[in-house]
Amino acid sequence: MKSSIPALIAVAAIVSGCAGMDSSKMTYSTQQQVNEPQKAQDCYDAAVLLGANVTRTKDITKKVLVAVDASVESETADAIKAQRNRHIGLLVGSGGEELFINWKAMTPEQTYVTVATKTGFVGGAGQKAWSCQVVDEMVKMAK
């Protein structure tokens, strides 16, 4: 019976572990409408064909990250990795989610953006998926 306790702990750690992803599974479609987000049901993954050029898209991305209380960890010409700031709550902490935002110019004035959220080891205990909220805010700022 003693040997099953470590096995149960390992299974519990895996089940409650990292949720989300560090790269989006969303793909561009020629049928996609400008400024109409695509969202996974769990909001760990989202995308939008933004009505903005690449330079403006990057600027909008940084403003949205500030709005959702995230700090940029790294950036390239076509991607930003950010982490939500951590907060201590009454019972559990919140924040710490990683956001992976990638974009690609489809036309000079349209950029396809994907957003993926990855939560930490404790997963649901104070963390949530932010991808849907990020693309929604990007659309508002692009209009």
C-alpha atoms as a PDB file:
ATOM      1  CA  MET A   1       0.000   0.000   0.000  1.00  0.00           C
ATOM      2  CA  LYS A   2       2.883   2.382   0.690  1.00  0.00           C
ATOM      3  CA  SER A   3       4.071   2.238  -2.922  1.00  0.00           C
ATOM      4  CA  SER A   4       0.714   3.504  -4.229  1.00  0.00           C
ATOM      5  CA  ILE A   5       0.930   6.813  -2.317  1.00  0.00           C
ATOM      6  CA  PRO A   6       3.855   8.197  -4.381  1.00  0.00           C
ATOM      7  CA  ALA A   7       2.095   7.028  -7.538  1.00  0.00           C
ATOM      8  CA  LEU A   8      -1.075   8.881  -6.518  1.00  0.00           C
ATOM      9  CA  ILE A   9       0.916  12.024  -5.775  1.00  0.00           C
ATOM     10  CA  ALA A  10       2.608  11.802  -9.177  1.00  0.00           C
ATOM     11  CA  VAL A  11      -0.726  11.369 -10.974  1.00  0.00           C
ATOM     12  CA  ALA A  12      -2.240  14.286  -9.035  1.00  0.00           C
ATOM     13  CA  ALA A  13       0.732  16.480  -9.954  1.00  0.00           C
ATOM     14  CA  ILE A  14       0.347  15.621 -13.629  1.00  0.00           C
ATOM     15  CA  VAL A  15      -3.422  16.179 -13.646  1.00  0.00           C
ATOM     16  CA  SER A  16      -3.231  19.526 -11.822  1.00  0.00           C
ATOM     17  CA  GLY A  17      -0.067  20.579 -13.617  1.00  0.00           C
ATOM     18  CA  CYS A  18       0.540  22.958 -16.452  1.00  0.00           C
ATOM     19  CA  ALA A  19      -2.459  23.799 -18.556  1.00  0.00           C
ATOM     20  CA  GLY A  20      -2.579  25.605 -21.826  1.00  0.00           C
ATOM     21  CA  MET A  21       0.154  25.785 -24.393  1.00  0.00           C
ATOM     22  CA  ASP A  22       3.128  27.835 -25.414  1.00  0.00           C
ATOM     23  CA  SER A  23       2.198  27.932 -29.104  1.00  0.00           C
ATOM     24  CA  SER A  24      -1.145  28.409 -30.764  1.00  0.00           C
ATOM     25  CA  LYS A  25      -2.950  25.724 -32.720  1.00  0.00           C
ATOM     26  CA  MET A  26      -4.975  28.377 -34.582  1.00  0.00           C
ATOM     27  CA  THR A  27      -4.258  28.744 -38.280  1.00  0.00           C
ATOM     28  CA  TYR A  28      -5.026  31.473 -40.771  1.00  0.00           C
ATOM     29  CA  SER A  29      -7.870  30.959 -43.213  1.00  0.00           C
ATOM     30  CA  THR A  30      -8.662  33.105 -46.238  1.00  0.00           C
ATOM     31  CA  GLN A  31     -12.265  33.031 -44.989  1.00  0.00           C
ATOM     32  CA  GLN A  32     -11.308  34.871 -41.807  1.00  0.00           C
ATOM     33  CA  GLN A  33     -12.955  38.242 -41.328  1.00  0.00           C
ATOM     34  CA  VAL A  34     -10.956  41.256 -40.143  1.00  0.00           C
ATOM     35  CA  ASN A  35     -11.247  41.949 -36.396  1.00  0.00           C
ATOM     36  CA  GLU A  36     -13.366  38.834 -35.695  1.00  0.00           C
ATOM     37  CA  PRO A  37     -11.570  36.695 -33.082  1.00  0.00           C
ATOM     38  CA  GLN A  38     -11.308  32.909 -33.249  1.00  0.00           C
ATOM     39  CA  LYS A  39     -11.411  31.402 -29.775  1.00  0.00           C
ATOM     40  CA  ALA A  40     -10.851  27.949 -28.361  1.00  0.00           C
ATOM     41  CA  GLN A  41     -13.603  26.935 -25.967  1.00  0.00           C
ATOM     42  CA  ASP A  42     -11.269  27.014 -22.963  1.00  0.00           C
ATOM     43  CA  CYS A  43      -9.660  30.350 -24.016  1.00  0.00           C
ATOM     44  CA  TYR A  44      -6.117  28.996 -23.764  1.00  0.00           C
ATOM     45  CA  ASP A  45      -5.844  29.643 -27.499  1.00  0.00           C
ATOM     46  CA  ALA A  46      -7.188  32.498 -29.640  1.00  0.00           C
ATOM     47  CA  ALA A  47      -6.436  34.334 -32.865  1.00  0.00           C
ATOM     48  CA  VAL A  48      -7.562  37.320 -34.890  1.00  0.00           C
ATOM     49  CA  LEU A  49      -6.935  38.867 -38.288  1.00  0.00           C
ATOM     50  CA  LEU A  50      -6.256  42.341 -36.985  1.00  0.00           C
ATOM     51  CA  GLY A  51      -6.984  45.385 -39.131  1.00  0.00           C
ATOM     52  CA  ALA A  52      -3.566  46.887 -38.416  1.00  0.00           C
ATOM     53  CA  ASN A  53      -0.082  46.748 -39.876  1.00  0.00           C
ATOM     54  CA  VAL A  54       2.717  44.868 -38.081  1.00  0.00           C
ATOM     55  CA  THR A  55       4.161  47.969 -36.377  1.00  0.00           C
ATOM     56  CA  ARG A  56       0.776  49.002 -35.002  1.00  0.00           C
ATOM     57  CA  THR A  57       0.006  45.386 -34.027  1.00  0.00           C
ATOM     58  CA  LYS A  58       3.164  45.231 -31.912  1.00  0.00           C
ATOM     59  CA  ASP A  59       2.252  48.540 -30.262  1.00  0.00           C
ATOM     60  CA  ILE A  60      -1.305  47.340 -29.570  1.00  0.00           C
ATOM     61  CA  THR A  61       0.057  44.066 -28.148  1.00  0.00           C
ATOM     62  CA  LYS A  62       2.253  45.903 -25.650  1.00  0.00           C
ATOM     63  CA  LYS A  63      -0.633  48.145 -24.541  1.00  0.00           C
ATOM     64  CA  VAL A  64      -2.947  45.151 -24.064  1.00  0.00           C
ATOM     65  CA  LEU A  65      -0.300  43.354 -22.026  1.00  0.00           C
ATOM     66  CA  VAL A  66      -0.108  46.349 -19.674  1.00  0.00           C
ATOM     67  CA  ALA A  67      -3.914  46.320 -19.433  1.00  0.00           C
ATOM     68  CA  VAL A  68      -3.974  42.646 -18.382  1.00  0.00           C
ATOM     69  CA  ASP A  69      -1.148  43.267 -15.876  1.00  0.00           C
ATOM     70  CA  ALA A  70       1.570  41.399 -17.752  1.00  0.00           C
ATOM     71  CA  SER A  71       5.249  42.148 -18.250  1.00  0.00           C
ATOM     72  CA  VAL A  72       7.141  41.453 -21.471  1.00  0.00           C
ATOM     73  CA  GLU A  73       9.825  38.814 -20.910  1.00  0.00           C
ATOM     74  CA  SER A  74      11.159  38.677 -24.462  1.00  0.00           C
ATOM     75  CA  GLU A  75      10.292  39.990 -27.893  1.00  0.00           C
ATOM     76  CA  THR A  76      11.292  39.531 -31.509  1.00  0.00           C
ATOM     77  CA  ALA A  77      10.124  41.153 -34.723  1.00  0.00           C
ATOM     78  CA  ASP A  78       7.126  38.810 -34.876  1.00  0.00           C
ATOM     79  CA  ALA A  79       6.455  37.647 -31.308  1.00  0.00           C
ATOM     80  CA  ILE A  80       6.246  38.608 -27.655  1.00  0.00           C
ATOM     81  CA  LYS A  81       6.427  36.350 -24.629  1.00  0.00           C
ATOM     82  CA  ALA A  82       4.971  37.892 -21.479  1.00  0.00           C
ATOM     83  CA  GLN A  83       4.080  36.823 -17.957  1.00  0.00           C
ATOM     84  CA  ARG A  84       1.231  38.108 -15.847  1.00  0.00           C
ATOM     85  CA  ASN A  85       2.397  39.721 -12.648  1.00  0.00           C
ATOM     86  CA  ARG A  86       1.893  37.661  -9.507  1.00  0.00           C
ATOM     87  CA  HIS A  87      -0.460  38.760  -6.717  1.00  0.00           C
ATOM     88  CA  ILE A  88      -1.008  37.247  -3.311  1.00  0.00           C
ATOM     89  CA  GLY A  89      -4.643  36.581  -2.516  1.00  0.00           C
ATOM     90  CA  LEU A  90      -6.413  35.538   0.670  1.00  0.00           C
ATOM     91  CA  LEU A  91      -6.065  31.800   0.018  1.00  0.00           C
ATOM     92  CA  VAL A  92      -3.983  31.442  -3.137  1.00  0.00           C
ATOM     93  CA  GLY A  93      -1.843  33.602  -5.333  1.00  0.00           C
ATOM     94  CA  SER A  94      -2.908  34.646  -8.799  1.00  0.00           C
ATOM     95  CA  GLY A  95      -0.986  35.637 -11.872  1.00  0.00           C
ATOM     96  CA  GLY A  96       2.112  34.037 -13.299  1.00  0.00           C
ATOM     97  CA  GLU A  97       0.432  32.871 -16.497  1.00  0.00           C
ATOM     98  CA  GLU A  98       2.649  33.001 -19.583  1.00  0.00           C
ATOM     99  CA  LEU A  99       1.294  34.619 -22.740  1.00  0.00           C
ATOM    100  CA  PHE A 100       2.744  33.779 -26.142  1.00  0.00           C
ATOM    101  CA  ILE A 101       1.699  36.251 -28.849  1.00  0.00           C
ATOM    102  CA  ASN A 102       2.798  35.789 -32.452  1.00  0.00           C
ATOM    103  CA  TRP A 103       1.880  37.727 -35.573  1.00  0.00           C
ATOM    104  CA  LYS A 104       2.395  37.647 -39.310  1.00  0.00           C
ATOM    105  CA  ALA A 105       1.562  40.299 -41.921  1.00  0.00           C
ATOM    106  CA  MET A 106      -1.057  39.000 -44.335  1.00  0.00           C
ATOM    107  CA  THR A 107      -1.381  42.289 -46.241  1.00  0.00           C
ATOM    108  CA  PRO A 108       0.228  45.693 -45.605  1.00  0.00           C
ATOM    109  CA  GLU A 109      -2.738  46.592 -43.356  1.00  0.00           C
ATOM    110  CA  GLN A 110      -3.777  43.222 -41.909  1.00  0.00           C
ATOM    111  CA  THR A 111      -1.878  41.090 -39.423  1.00  0.00           C
ATOM    112  CA  TYR A 112      -2.784  37.597 -38.267  1.00  0.00           C
ATOM    113  CA  VAL A 113      -2.238  37.315 -34.502  1.00  0.00           C
ATOM    114  CA  THR A 114      -2.258  34.190 -32.345  1.00  0.00           C
ATOM    115  CA  VAL A 115      -2.305  34.164 -28.549  1.00  0.00           C
ATOM    116  CA  ALA A 116      -1.622  31.145 -26.354  1.00  0.00           C
ATOM    117  CA  THR A 117      -1.807  31.041 -22.552  1.00  0.00           C
ATOM    118  CA  LYS A 118       0.175  28.641 -20.413  1.00  0.00           C
ATOM    119  CA  THR A 119      -0.589  28.337 -16.713  1.00  0.00           C
ATOM    120  CA  GLY A 120       1.850  27.121 -14.108  1.00  0.00           C
ATOM    121  CA  PHE A 121       2.110  23.972 -12.059  1.00  0.00           C
ATOM    122  CA  VAL A 122      -0.835  24.787  -9.803  1.00  0.00           C
ATOM    123  CA  GLY A 123      -2.969  25.475 -12.864  1.00  0.00           C
ATOM    124  CA  GLY A 124      -6.497  26.377 -11.840  1.00  0.00           C
ATOM    125  CA  ALA A 125      -5.672  27.598  -8.330  1.00  0.00           C
ATOM    126  CA  GLY A 126      -5.743  31.322  -9.055  1.00  0.00           C
ATOM    127  CA  GLN A 127      -4.640  31.250 -12.691  1.00  0.00           C
ATOM    128  CA  LYS A 128      -6.774  31.475 -15.806  1.00  0.00           C
ATOM    129  CA  ALA A 129      -6.570  31.537 -19.575  1.00  0.00           C
ATOM    130  CA  TRP A 130      -6.134  35.057 -20.992  1.00  0.00           C
ATOM    131  CA  SER A 131      -6.009  34.470 -24.751  1.00  0.00           C
ATOM    132  CA  CYS A 132      -9.638  35.413 -25.453  1.00  0.00           C
ATOM    133  CA  GLN A 133      -9.422  38.610 -23.428  1.00  0.00           C
ATOM    134  CA  VAL A 134      -6.159  39.597 -25.136  1.00  0.00           C
ATOM    135  CA  VAL A 135      -7.579  39.248 -28.681  1.00  0.00           C
ATOM    136  CA  ASP A 136     -10.804  41.030 -27.662  1.00  0.00           C
ATOM    137  CA  GLU A 137      -8.797  43.979 -26.322  1.00  0.00           C
ATOM    138  CA  MET A 138      -6.597  44.008 -29.440  1.00  0.00           C
ATOM    139  CA  VAL A 139      -9.683  44.284 -31.647  1.00  0.00           C
ATOM    140  CA  LYS A 140     -11.004  47.206 -29.571  1.00  0.00           C
ATOM    141  CA  MET A 141      -7.700  49.044 -29.906  1.00  0.00           C
ATOM    142  CA  ALA A 142      -7.408  48.362 -33.649  1.00  0.00           C
ATOM    143  CA  LYS A 143     -10.745  50.018 -34.457  1.00  0.00           C
END
